[in-house]
Amino acid sequence: MVLRAPASKRSPEQAEERLLVEAAQKDPARFAELYEINFERVYGFIARRVGDRDAAEDLTSEVFHKALANLRRFEWRDVPFVAWLLRIAANAIADRAQRRGESWLLRILRS
């Protein structure tokens, strides 16, 4: 069971973000706005975990490519859109760690 705030109790930012997501789902060119809003948070999340600028840039690019490719499947659940992006990022980091045999990083990501 998912608890959701009534529409009247949602913040204006949540409502605006939802409209942006819905617009991007209909017109992928609108995804650029979501990218601009969320880039720094996603990049920072990744950079803190991988500790390598080139890898962080590559993984951030991968996250936004995956998000755009799967945007039509995104379902709004009254949590910030960035939460979905950070889940994609965590999975991308884990995939990279697994490919590189970095079991220590996998343990951190799973904790």
PDB file of N, CA and C in Angstrom:
ATOM      1  N   MET A   1       0.836  -1.175   0.000  1.00  0.00           N
ATOM      2  CA  MET A   1       0.000   0.000   0.000  1.00  0.00           C
ATOM      3  C   MET A   1       0.882   1.240   0.000  1.00  0.00           C
ATOM      4  N   VAL A   2       0.636   2.143  -0.904  1.00  0.00           N
ATOM      5  CA  VAL A   2       1.412   3.373  -1.014  1.00  0.00           C
ATOM      6  C   VAL A   2       0.594   4.508  -0.439  1.00  0.00           C
ATOM      7  N   LEU A   3       1.156   5.198   0.542  1.00  0.00           N
ATOM      8  CA  LEU A   3       0.472   6.348   1.123  1.00  0.00           C
ATOM      9  C   LEU A   3       0.820   7.575   0.311  1.00  0.00           C
ATOM     10  N   ARG A   4      -0.190   8.335  -0.041  1.00  0.00           N
ATOM     11  CA  ARG A   4       0.023   9.531  -0.848  1.00  0.00           C
ATOM     12  C   ARG A   4      -0.645  10.709  -0.183  1.00  0.00           C
ATOM     13  N   ALA A   5       0.002  11.843  -0.279  1.00  0.00           N
ATOM     14  CA  ALA A   5      -0.608  13.066   0.219  1.00  0.00           C
ATOM     15  C   ALA A   5      -1.741  13.459  -0.706  1.00  0.00           C
ATOM     16  N   PRO A   6      -2.850  13.943  -0.117  1.00  0.00           N
ATOM     17  CA  PRO A   6      -3.923  14.435  -0.985  1.00  0.00           C
ATOM     18  C   PRO A   6      -3.398  15.541  -1.890  1.00  0.00           C
ATOM     19  N   ALA A   7      -4.000  15.674  -3.055  1.00  0.00           N
ATOM     20  CA  ALA A   7      -3.543  16.676  -4.022  1.00  0.00           C
ATOM     21  C   ALA A   7      -3.461  18.055  -3.397  1.00  0.00           C
ATOM     22  N   SER A   8      -4.351  18.377  -2.473  1.00  0.00           N
ATOM     23  CA  SER A   8      -4.357  19.702  -1.853  1.00  0.00           C
ATOM     24  C   SER A   8      -3.170  19.922  -0.927  1.00  0.00           C
ATOM     25  N   LYS A   9      -2.521  18.842  -0.488  1.00  0.00           N
ATOM     26  CA  LYS A   9      -1.388  18.973   0.439  1.00  0.00           C
ATOM     27  C   LYS A   9      -0.034  18.857  -0.243  1.00  0.00           C
ATOM     28  N   ARG A  10      -0.021  18.684  -1.531  1.00  0.00           N
ATOM     29  CA  ARG A  10       1.239  18.605  -2.263  1.00  0.00           C
ATOM     30  C   ARG A  10       1.807  19.999  -2.430  1.00  0.00           C
ATOM     31  N   SER A  11       3.116  20.079  -2.388  1.00  0.00           N
ATOM     32  CA  SER A  11       3.760  21.380  -2.552  1.00  0.00           C
ATOM     33  C   SER A  11       3.671  21.832  -4.005  1.00  0.00           C
ATOM     34  N   PRO A  12       3.772  23.135  -4.225  1.00  0.00           N
ATOM     35  CA  PRO A  12       3.780  23.632  -5.603  1.00  0.00           C
ATOM     36  C   PRO A  12       4.941  23.042  -6.412  1.00  0.00           C
ATOM     37  N   GLU A  13       6.077  22.779  -5.739  1.00  0.00           N
ATOM     38  CA  GLU A  13       7.227  22.201  -6.433  1.00  0.00           C
ATOM     39  C   GLU A  13       6.909  20.793  -6.924  1.00  0.00           C
ATOM     40  N   GLN A  14       6.205  20.012  -6.093  1.00  0.00           N
ATOM     41  CA  GLN A  14       5.826  18.658  -6.506  1.00  0.00           C
ATOM     42  C   GLN A  14       4.888  18.698  -7.705  1.00  0.00           C
ATOM     43  N   ALA A  15       3.937  19.606  -7.653  1.00  0.00           N
ATOM     44  CA  ALA A  15       2.983  19.729  -8.759  1.00  0.00           C
ATOM     45  C   ALA A  15       3.695  20.154 -10.038  1.00  0.00           C
ATOM     46  N   GLU A  16       4.618  21.103  -9.917  1.00  0.00           N
ATOM     47  CA  GLU A  16       5.362  21.566 -11.096  1.00  0.00           C
ATOM     48  C   GLU A  16       6.227  20.450 -11.664  1.00  0.00           C
ATOM     49  N   GLU A  17       6.888  19.716 -10.774  1.00  0.00           N
ATOM     50  CA  GLU A  17       7.743  18.618 -11.233  1.00  0.00           C
ATOM     51  C   GLU A  17       6.905  17.556 -11.941  1.00  0.00           C
ATOM     52  N   ARG A  18       5.761  17.257 -11.399  1.00  0.00           N
ATOM     53  CA  ARG A  18       4.900  16.257 -12.032  1.00  0.00           C
ATOM     54  C   ARG A  18       4.489  16.712 -13.428  1.00  0.00           C
ATOM     55  N   LEU A  19       4.162  17.989 -13.570  1.00  0.00           N
ATOM     56  CA  LEU A  19       3.805  18.517 -14.889  1.00  0.00           C
ATOM     57  C   LEU A  19       4.975  18.416 -15.861  1.00  0.00           C
ATOM     58  N   LEU A  20       6.190  18.692 -15.375  1.00  0.00           N
ATOM     59  CA  LEU A  20       7.381  18.569 -16.229  1.00  0.00           C
ATOM     60  C   LEU A  20       7.588  17.123 -16.687  1.00  0.00           C
ATOM     61  N   VAL A  21       7.431  16.193 -15.753  1.00  0.00           N
ATOM     62  CA  VAL A  21       7.604  14.776 -16.093  1.00  0.00           C
ATOM     63  C   VAL A  21       6.560  14.355 -17.123  1.00  0.00           C
ATOM     64  N   GLU A  22       5.314  14.734 -16.889  1.00  0.00           N
ATOM     65  CA  GLU A  22       4.252  14.362 -17.826  1.00  0.00           C
ATOM     66  C   GLU A  22       4.474  14.991 -19.202  1.00  0.00           C
ATOM     67  N   ALA A  23       4.954  16.229 -19.226  1.00  0.00           N
ATOM     68  CA  ALA A  23       5.246  16.891 -20.502  1.00  0.00           C
ATOM     69  C   ALA A  23       6.376  16.161 -21.234  1.00  0.00           C
ATOM     70  N   ALA A  24       7.403  15.747 -20.486  1.00  0.00           N
ATOM     71  CA  ALA A  24       8.530  15.039 -21.101  1.00  0.00           C
ATOM     72  C   ALA A  24       8.115  13.652 -21.592  1.00  0.00           C
ATOM     73  N   GLN A  25       7.166  13.031 -20.906  1.00  0.00           N
ATOM     74  CA  GLN A  25       6.687  11.728 -21.360  1.00  0.00           C
ATOM     75  C   GLN A  25       5.967  11.851 -22.699  1.00  0.00           C
ATOM     76  N   LYS A  26       5.305  12.975 -22.912  1.00  0.00           N
ATOM     77  CA  LYS A  26       4.596  13.202 -24.175  1.00  0.00           C
ATOM     78  C   LYS A  26       5.526  13.725 -25.263  1.00  0.00           C
ATOM     79  N   ASP A  27       6.521  14.526 -24.859  1.00  0.00           N
ATOM     80  CA  ASP A  27       7.452  15.138 -25.801  1.00  0.00           C
ATOM     81  C   ASP A  27       8.865  15.020 -25.235  1.00  0.00           C
ATOM     82  N   PRO A  28       9.632  14.021 -25.665  1.00  0.00           N
ATOM     83  CA  PRO A  28      10.973  13.799 -25.113  1.00  0.00           C
ATOM     84  C   PRO A  28      11.904  15.018 -25.171  1.00  0.00           C
ATOM     85  N   ALA A  29      11.621  15.971 -26.046  1.00  0.00           N
ATOM     86  CA  ALA A  29      12.449  17.185 -26.095  1.00  0.00           C
ATOM     87  C   ALA A  29      12.350  17.959 -24.792  1.00  0.00           C
ATOM     88  N   ARG A  30      11.265  17.774 -24.049  1.00  0.00           N
ATOM     89  CA  ARG A  30      11.081  18.463 -22.773  1.00  0.00           C
ATOM     90  C   ARG A  30      11.940  17.843 -21.667  1.00  0.00           C
ATOM     91  N   PHE A  31      12.559  16.705 -21.929  1.00  0.00           N
ATOM     92  CA  PHE A  31      13.410  16.048 -20.929  1.00  0.00           C
ATOM     93  C   PHE A  31      14.590  16.937 -20.551  1.00  0.00           C
ATOM     94  N   ALA A  32      14.986  17.826 -21.438  1.00  0.00           N
ATOM     95  CA  ALA A  32      16.118  18.726 -21.155  1.00  0.00           C
ATOM     96  C   ALA A  32      15.893  19.512 -19.875  1.00  0.00           C
ATOM     97  N   GLU A  33      14.658  19.903 -19.609  1.00  0.00           N
ATOM     98  CA  GLU A  33      14.358  20.640 -18.381  1.00  0.00           C
ATOM     99  C   GLU A  33      14.612  19.777 -17.149  1.00  0.00           C
ATOM    100  N   LEU A  34      14.209  18.537 -17.211  1.00  0.00           N
ATOM    101  CA  LEU A  34      14.442  17.624 -16.087  1.00  0.00           C
ATOM    102  C   LEU A  34      15.933  17.364 -15.901  1.00  0.00           C
ATOM    103  N   TYR A  35      16.647  17.268 -17.011  1.00  0.00           N
ATOM    104  CA  TYR A  35      18.097  17.092 -16.964  1.00  0.00           C
ATOM    105  C   TYR A  35      18.745  18.275 -16.237  1.00  0.00           C
ATOM    106  N   GLU A  36      18.386  19.481 -16.639  1.00  0.00           N
ATOM    107  CA  GLU A  36      18.975  20.688 -16.036  1.00  0.00           C
ATOM    108  C   GLU A  36      18.694  20.764 -14.541  1.00  0.00           C
ATOM    109  N   ILE A  37      17.489  20.441 -14.158  1.00  0.00           N
ATOM    110  CA  ILE A  37      17.095  20.517 -12.748  1.00  0.00           C
ATOM    111  C   ILE A  37      17.826  19.486 -11.900  1.00  0.00           C
ATOM    112  N   ASN A  38      18.064  18.300 -12.439  1.00  0.00           N
ATOM    113  CA  ASN A  38      18.564  17.177 -11.649  1.00  0.00           C
ATOM    114  C   ASN A  38      20.024  16.806 -11.870  1.00  0.00           C
ATOM    115  N   PHE A  39      20.690  17.427 -12.843  1.00  0.00           N
ATOM    116  CA  PHE A  39      22.056  17.019 -13.185  1.00  0.00           C
ATOM    117  C   PHE A  39      23.004  17.057 -11.988  1.00  0.00           C
ATOM    118  N   GLU A  40      23.068  18.185 -11.297  1.00  0.00           N
ATOM    119  CA  GLU A  40      24.047  18.331 -10.209  1.00  0.00           C
ATOM    120  C   GLU A  40      23.839  17.304  -9.105  1.00  0.00           C
ATOM    121  N   ARG A  41      22.597  17.045  -8.772  1.00  0.00           N
ATOM    122  CA  ARG A  41      22.321  16.079  -7.705  1.00  0.00           C
ATOM    123  C   ARG A  41      22.742  14.672  -8.117  1.00  0.00           C
ATOM    124  N   VAL A  42      22.426  14.293  -9.339  1.00  0.00           N
ATOM    125  CA  VAL A  42      22.793  12.956  -9.818  1.00  0.00           C
ATOM    126  C   VAL A  42      24.312  12.836  -9.937  1.00  0.00           C
ATOM    127  N   TYR A  43      24.943  13.840 -10.534  1.00  0.00           N
ATOM    128  CA  TYR A  43      26.407  13.800 -10.673  1.00  0.00           C
ATOM    129  C   TYR A  43      27.076  13.729  -9.300  1.00  0.00           C
ATOM    130  N   GLY A  44      26.625  14.544  -8.365  1.00  0.00           N
ATOM    131  CA  GLY A  44      27.205  14.541  -7.023  1.00  0.00           C
ATOM    132  C   GLY A  44      27.044  13.195  -6.334  1.00  0.00           C
ATOM    133  N   PHE A  45      25.871  12.606  -6.464  1.00  0.00           N
ATOM    134  CA  PHE A  45      25.605  11.286  -5.884  1.00  0.00           C
ATOM    135  C   PHE A  45      26.605  10.267  -6.420  1.00  0.00           C
ATOM    136  N   ILE A  46      26.794  10.274  -7.723  1.00  0.00           N
ATOM    137  CA  ILE A  46      27.698   9.316  -8.354  1.00  0.00           C
ATOM    138  C   ILE A  46      29.158   9.622  -8.006  1.00  0.00           C
ATOM    139  N   ALA A  47      29.544  10.882  -8.127  1.00  0.00           N
ATOM    140  CA  ALA A  47      30.946  11.265  -7.885  1.00  0.00           C
ATOM    141  C   ALA A  47      31.395  10.900  -6.471  1.00  0.00           C
ATOM    142  N   ARG A  48      30.525  11.094  -5.482  1.00  0.00           N
ATOM    143  CA  ARG A  48      30.885  10.742  -4.099  1.00  0.00           C
ATOM    144  C   ARG A  48      31.106   9.243  -3.943  1.00  0.00           C
ATOM    145  N   ARG A  49      30.457   8.460  -4.748  1.00  0.00           N
ATOM    146  CA  ARG A  49      30.557   7.012  -4.596  1.00  0.00           C
ATOM    147  C   ARG A  49      31.671   6.379  -5.418  1.00  0.00           C
ATOM    148  N   VAL A  50      31.980   6.946  -6.568  1.00  0.00           N
ATOM    149  CA  VAL A  50      33.011   6.311  -7.402  1.00  0.00           C
ATOM    150  C   VAL A  50      34.375   6.975  -7.256  1.00  0.00           C
ATOM    151  N   GLY A  51      34.408   8.238  -6.831  1.00  0.00           N
ATOM    152  CA  GLY A  51      35.680   8.906  -6.570  1.00  0.00           C
ATOM    153  C   GLY A  51      36.553   9.129  -7.792  1.00  0.00           C
ATOM    154  N   ASP A  52      35.978   9.095  -8.969  1.00  0.00           N
ATOM    155  CA  ASP A  52      36.740   9.271 -10.197  1.00  0.00           C
ATOM    156  C   ASP A  52      35.905  10.141 -11.129  1.00  0.00           C
ATOM    157  N   ARG A  53      36.451  11.285 -11.504  1.00  0.00           N
ATOM    158  CA  ARG A  53      35.689  12.261 -12.291  1.00  0.00           C
ATOM    159  C   ARG A  53      35.229  11.704 -13.646  1.00  0.00           C
ATOM    160  N   ASP A  54      36.141  11.047 -14.359  1.00  0.00           N
ATOM    161  CA  ASP A  54      35.777  10.496 -15.667  1.00  0.00           C
ATOM    162  C   ASP A  54      34.673   9.452 -15.544  1.00  0.00           C
ATOM    163  N   ALA A  55      34.802   8.574 -14.555  1.00  0.00           N
ATOM    164  CA  ALA A  55      33.778   7.549 -14.340  1.00  0.00           C
ATOM    165  C   ALA A  55      32.454   8.193 -13.937  1.00  0.00           C
ATOM    166  N   ALA A  56      32.509   9.212 -13.099  1.00  0.00           N
ATOM    167  CA  ALA A  56      31.283   9.895 -12.670  1.00  0.00           C
ATOM    168  C   ALA A  56      30.590  10.549 -13.858  1.00  0.00           C
ATOM    169  N   GLU A  57      31.366  11.156 -14.749  1.00  0.00           N
ATOM    170  CA  GLU A  57      30.770  11.779 -15.940  1.00  0.00           C
ATOM    171  C   GLU A  57      30.139  10.724 -16.843  1.00  0.00           C
ATOM    172  N   ASP A  58      30.841   9.613 -17.043  1.00  0.00           N
ATOM    173  CA  ASP A  58      30.315   8.539 -17.886  1.00  0.00           C
ATOM    174  C   ASP A  58      29.033   7.946 -17.293  1.00  0.00           C
ATOM    175  N   LEU A  59      29.055   7.682 -15.991  1.00  0.00           N
ATOM    176  CA  LEU A  59      27.892   7.096 -15.339  1.00  0.00           C
ATOM    177  C   LEU A  59      26.712   8.065 -15.315  1.00  0.00           C
ATOM    178  N   THR A  60      26.986   9.350 -15.115  1.00  0.00           N
ATOM    179  CA  THR A  60      25.905  10.342 -15.127  1.00  0.00           C
ATOM    180  C   THR A  60      25.255  10.379 -16.501  1.00  0.00           C
ATOM    181  N   SER A  61      26.055  10.342 -17.530  1.00  0.00           N
ATOM    182  CA  SER A  61      25.523  10.297 -18.896  1.00  0.00           C
ATOM    183  C   SER A  61      24.674   9.050 -19.092  1.00  0.00           C
ATOM    184  N   GLU A  62      25.163   7.928 -18.613  1.00  0.00           N
ATOM    185  CA  GLU A  62      24.429   6.664 -18.731  1.00  0.00           C
ATOM    186  C   GLU A  62      23.079   6.750 -18.013  1.00  0.00           C
ATOM    187  N   VAL A  63      23.070   7.349 -16.831  1.00  0.00           N
ATOM    188  CA  VAL A  63      21.826   7.475 -16.059  1.00  0.00           C
ATOM    189  C   VAL A  63      20.785   8.260 -16.839  1.00  0.00           C
ATOM    190  N   PHE A  64      21.183   9.403 -17.389  1.00  0.00           N
ATOM    191  CA  PHE A  64      20.214  10.227 -18.104  1.00  0.00           C
ATOM    192  C   PHE A  64      19.784   9.590 -19.423  1.00  0.00           C
ATOM    193  N   HIS A  65      20.678   8.846 -20.065  1.00  0.00           N
ATOM    194  CA  HIS A  65      20.275   8.119 -21.273  1.00  0.00           C
ATOM    195  C   HIS A  65      19.234   7.038 -20.928  1.00  0.00           C
ATOM    196  N   LYS A  66      19.487   6.297 -19.852  1.00  0.00           N
ATOM    197  CA  LYS A  66      18.535   5.263 -19.435  1.00  0.00           C
ATOM    198  C   LYS A  66      17.211   5.881 -19.018  1.00  0.00           C
ATOM    199  N   ALA A  67      17.275   6.995 -18.306  1.00  0.00           N
ATOM    200  CA  ALA A  67      16.046   7.652 -17.863  1.00  0.00           C
ATOM    201  C   ALA A  67      15.221   8.109 -19.060  1.00  0.00           C
ATOM    202  N   LEU A  68      15.869   8.718 -20.030  1.00  0.00           N
ATOM    203  CA  LEU A  68      15.152   9.173 -21.218  1.00  0.00           C
ATOM    204  C   LEU A  68      14.553   7.984 -21.978  1.00  0.00           C
ATOM    205  N   ALA A  69      15.325   6.931 -22.115  1.00  0.00           N
ATOM    206  CA  ALA A  69      14.855   5.746 -22.842  1.00  0.00           C
ATOM    207  C   ALA A  69      13.662   5.083 -22.152  1.00  0.00           C
ATOM    208  N   ASN A  70      13.577   5.216 -20.826  1.00  0.00           N
ATOM    209  CA  ASN A  70      12.520   4.547 -20.068  1.00  0.00           C
ATOM    210  C   ASN A  70      11.487   5.504 -19.495  1.00  0.00           C
ATOM    211  N   LEU A  71      11.522   6.750 -19.903  1.00  0.00           N
ATOM    212  CA  LEU A  71      10.655   7.774 -19.327  1.00  0.00           C
ATOM    213  C   LEU A  71       9.172   7.437 -19.473  1.00  0.00           C
ATOM    214  N   ARG A  72       8.795   6.863 -20.577  1.00  0.00           N
ATOM    215  CA  ARG A  72       7.368   6.529 -20.776  1.00  0.00           C
ATOM    216  C   ARG A  72       6.887   5.490 -19.770  1.00  0.00           C
ATOM    217  N   ARG A  73       7.796   4.702 -19.225  1.00  0.00           N
ATOM    218  CA  ARG A  73       7.429   3.682 -18.238  1.00  0.00           C
ATOM    219  C   ARG A  73       7.420   4.222 -16.813  1.00  0.00           C
ATOM    220  N   PHE A  74       7.944   5.431 -16.617  1.00  0.00           N
ATOM    221  CA  PHE A  74       7.973   6.029 -15.286  1.00  0.00           C
ATOM    222  C   PHE A  74       6.550   6.256 -14.790  1.00  0.00           C
ATOM    223  N   GLU A  75       6.292   5.845 -13.549  1.00  0.00           N
ATOM    224  CA  GLU A  75       4.994   6.060 -12.923  1.00  0.00           C
ATOM    225  C   GLU A  75       5.160   7.005 -11.751  1.00  0.00           C
ATOM    226  N   TRP A  76       4.336   8.028 -11.722  1.00  0.00           N
ATOM    227  CA  TRP A  76       4.406   9.006 -10.637  1.00  0.00           C
ATOM    228  C   TRP A  76       3.879   8.373  -9.357  1.00  0.00           C
ATOM    229  N   ARG A  77       4.673   8.454  -8.282  1.00  0.00           N
ATOM    230  CA  ARG A  77       4.283   7.871  -6.994  1.00  0.00           C
ATOM    231  C   ARG A  77       4.451   8.874  -5.865  1.00  0.00           C
ATOM    232  N   ASP A  78       4.316  10.133  -6.183  1.00  0.00           N
ATOM    233  CA  ASP A  78       4.395  11.213  -5.208  1.00  0.00           C
ATOM    234  C   ASP A  78       5.712  11.250  -4.436  1.00  0.00           C
ATOM    235  N   VAL A  79       6.775  10.861  -5.083  1.00  0.00           N
ATOM    236  CA  VAL A  79       8.128  11.056  -4.568  1.00  0.00           C
ATOM    237  C   VAL A  79       8.870  11.861  -5.623  1.00  0.00           C
ATOM    238  N   PRO A  80       9.881  12.588  -5.233  1.00  0.00           N
ATOM    239  CA  PRO A  80      10.593  13.398  -6.230  1.00  0.00           C
ATOM    240  C   PRO A  80      11.130  12.549  -7.386  1.00  0.00           C
ATOM    241  N   PHE A  81      11.093  13.117  -8.559  1.00  0.00           N
ATOM    242  CA  PHE A  81      11.602  12.455  -9.760  1.00  0.00           C
ATOM    243  C   PHE A  81      13.065  12.054  -9.578  1.00  0.00           C
ATOM    244  N   VAL A  82      13.799  12.882  -8.844  1.00  0.00           N
ATOM    245  CA  VAL A  82      15.220  12.599  -8.641  1.00  0.00           C
ATOM    246  C   VAL A  82      15.420  11.260  -7.925  1.00  0.00           C
ATOM    247  N   ALA A  83      14.453  10.819  -7.128  1.00  0.00           N
ATOM    248  CA  ALA A  83      14.573   9.521  -6.460  1.00  0.00           C
ATOM    249  C   ALA A  83      14.687   8.395  -7.491  1.00  0.00           C
ATOM    250  N   TRP A  84      13.903   8.497  -8.558  1.00  0.00           N
ATOM    251  CA  TRP A  84      13.971   7.510  -9.641  1.00  0.00           C
ATOM    252  C   TRP A  84      15.342   7.575 -10.312  1.00  0.00           C
ATOM    253  N   LEU A  85      15.814   8.792 -10.553  1.00  0.00           N
ATOM    254  CA  LEU A  85      17.135   8.956 -11.179  1.00  0.00           C
ATOM    255  C   LEU A  85      18.237   8.394 -10.287  1.00  0.00           C
ATOM    256  N   LEU A  86      18.143   8.616  -8.980  1.00  0.00           N
ATOM    257  CA  LEU A  86      19.174   8.114  -8.065  1.00  0.00           C
ATOM    258  C   LEU A  86      19.141   6.593  -7.969  1.00  0.00           C
ATOM    259  N   ARG A  87      17.967   5.992  -8.128  1.00  0.00           N
ATOM    260  CA  ARG A  87      17.888   4.530  -8.159  1.00  0.00           C
ATOM    261  C   ARG A  87      18.590   4.007  -9.412  1.00  0.00           C
ATOM    262  N   ILE A  88      18.362   4.663 -10.536  1.00  0.00           N
ATOM    263  CA  ILE A  88      19.053   4.285 -11.770  1.00  0.00           C
ATOM    264  C   ILE A  88      20.562   4.442 -11.570  1.00  0.00           C
ATOM    265  N   ALA A  89      20.965   5.531 -10.922  1.00  0.00           N
ATOM    266  CA  ALA A  89      22.388   5.786 -10.672  1.00  0.00           C
ATOM    267  C   ALA A  89      22.995   4.709  -9.778  1.00  0.00           C
ATOM    268  N   ALA A  90      22.299   4.361  -8.706  1.00  0.00           N
ATOM    269  CA  ALA A  90      22.815   3.319  -7.803  1.00  0.00           C
ATOM    270  C   ALA A  90      22.982   1.997  -8.548  1.00  0.00           C
ATOM    271  N   ASN A  91      22.027   1.676  -9.398  1.00  0.00           N
ATOM    272  CA  ASN A  91      22.137   0.442 -10.185  1.00  0.00           C
ATOM    273  C   ASN A  91      23.294   0.514 -11.177  1.00  0.00           C
ATOM    274  N   ALA A  92      23.498   1.677 -11.789  1.00  0.00           N
ATOM    275  CA  ALA A  92      24.612   1.837 -12.739  1.00  0.00           C
ATOM    276  C   ALA A  92      25.950   1.708 -12.017  1.00  0.00           C
ATOM    277  N   ILE A  93      26.037   2.269 -10.820  1.00  0.00           N
ATOM    278  CA  ILE A  93      27.273   2.168 -10.028  1.00  0.00           C
ATOM    279  C   ILE A  93      27.520   0.708  -9.647  1.00  0.00           C
ATOM    280  N   ALA A  94      26.469   0.030  -9.217  1.00  0.00           N
ATOM    281  CA  ALA A  94      26.603  -1.384  -8.837  1.00  0.00           C
ATOM    282  C   ALA A  94      27.009  -2.239 -10.030  1.00  0.00           C
ATOM    283  N   ASP A  95      26.409  -1.974 -11.185  1.00  0.00           N
ATOM    284  CA  ASP A  95      26.778  -2.719 -12.398  1.00  0.00           C
ATOM    285  C   ASP A  95      28.250  -2.511 -12.727  1.00  0.00           C
ATOM    286  N   ARG A  96      28.703  -1.256 -12.629  1.00  0.00           N
ATOM    287  CA  ARG A  96      30.108  -0.941 -12.906  1.00  0.00           C
ATOM    288  C   ARG A  96      31.022  -1.654 -11.906  1.00  0.00           C
ATOM    289  N   ALA A  97      30.641  -1.619 -10.640  1.00  0.00           N
ATOM    290  CA  ALA A  97      31.448  -2.270  -9.608  1.00  0.00           C
ATOM    291  C   ALA A  97      31.514  -3.774  -9.843  1.00  0.00           C
ATOM    292  N   GLN A  98      30.398  -4.353 -10.236  1.00  0.00           N
ATOM    293  CA  GLN A  98      30.372  -5.788 -10.491  1.00  0.00           C
ATOM    294  C   GLN A  98      31.262  -6.149 -11.678  1.00  0.00           C
ATOM    295  N   ARG A  99      31.189  -5.335 -12.737  1.00  0.00           N
ATOM    296  CA  ARG A  99      32.042  -5.596 -13.914  1.00  0.00           C
ATOM    297  C   ARG A  99      33.519  -5.499 -13.549  1.00  0.00           C
ATOM    298  N   ARG A 100      33.845  -4.601 -12.628  1.00  0.00           N
ATOM    299  CA  ARG A 100      35.243  -4.380 -12.246  1.00  0.00           C
ATOM    300  C   ARG A 100      35.677  -5.244 -11.077  1.00  0.00           C
ATOM    301  N   GLY A 101      34.764  -6.036 -10.523  1.00  0.00           N
ATOM    302  CA  GLY A 101      35.110  -6.891  -9.392  1.00  0.00           C
ATOM    303  C   GLY A 101      35.310  -6.119  -8.100  1.00  0.00           C
ATOM    304  N   GLU A 102      34.610  -5.006  -7.953  1.00  0.00           N
ATOM    305  CA  GLU A 102      34.745  -4.169  -6.750  1.00  0.00           C
ATOM    306  C   GLU A 102      33.683  -4.564  -5.726  1.00  0.00           C
ATOM    307  N   SER A 103      33.898  -5.682  -5.076  1.00  0.00           N
ATOM    308  CA  SER A 103      32.899  -6.184  -4.134  1.00  0.00           C
ATOM    309  C   SER A 103      32.730  -5.255  -2.934  1.00  0.00           C
ATOM    310  N   TRP A 104      33.763  -4.522  -2.559  1.00  0.00           N
ATOM    311  CA  TRP A 104      33.650  -3.590  -1.432  1.00  0.00           C
ATOM    312  C   TRP A 104      32.631  -2.496  -1.736  1.00  0.00           C
ATOM    313  N   LEU A 105      32.584  -2.031  -2.981  1.00  0.00           N
ATOM    314  CA  LEU A 105      31.637  -0.988  -3.353  1.00  0.00           C
ATOM    315  C   LEU A 105      30.217  -1.547  -3.385  1.00  0.00           C
ATOM    316  N   LEU A 106      30.075  -2.771  -3.831  1.00  0.00           N
ATOM    317  CA  LEU A 106      28.753  -3.404  -3.838  1.00  0.00           C
ATOM    318  C   LEU A 106      28.208  -3.515  -2.421  1.00  0.00           C
ATOM    319  N   ARG A 107      29.064  -3.855  -1.458  1.00  0.00           N
ATOM    320  CA  ARG A 107      28.614  -3.955  -0.067  1.00  0.00           C
ATOM    321  C   ARG A 107      28.146  -2.599   0.450  1.00  0.00           C
ATOM    322  N   ILE A 108      28.845  -1.533   0.104  1.00  0.00           N
ATOM    323  CA  ILE A 108      28.457  -0.188   0.537  1.00  0.00           C
ATOM    324  C   ILE A 108      27.121   0.196  -0.071  1.00  0.00           C
ATOM    325  N   LEU A 109      26.927  -0.068  -1.359  1.00  0.00           N
ATOM    326  CA  LEU A 109      25.700   0.302  -2.039  1.00  0.00           C
ATOM    327  C   LEU A 109      24.502  -0.460  -1.491  1.00  0.00           C
ATOM    328  N   ARG A 110      24.729  -1.667  -1.058  1.00  0.00           N
ATOM    329  CA  ARG A 110      23.612  -2.485  -0.546  1.00  0.00           C
ATOM    330  C   ARG A 110      23.297  -2.198   0.899  1.00  0.00           C
ATOM    331  N   SER A 111      24.165  -1.496   1.610  1.00  0.00           N
ATOM    332  CA  SER A 111      23.910  -1.222   3.039  1.00  0.00           C
ATOM    333  C   SER A 111      23.073  -0.005   3.247  1.00  0.00           C
TER     334      SER A 111
END
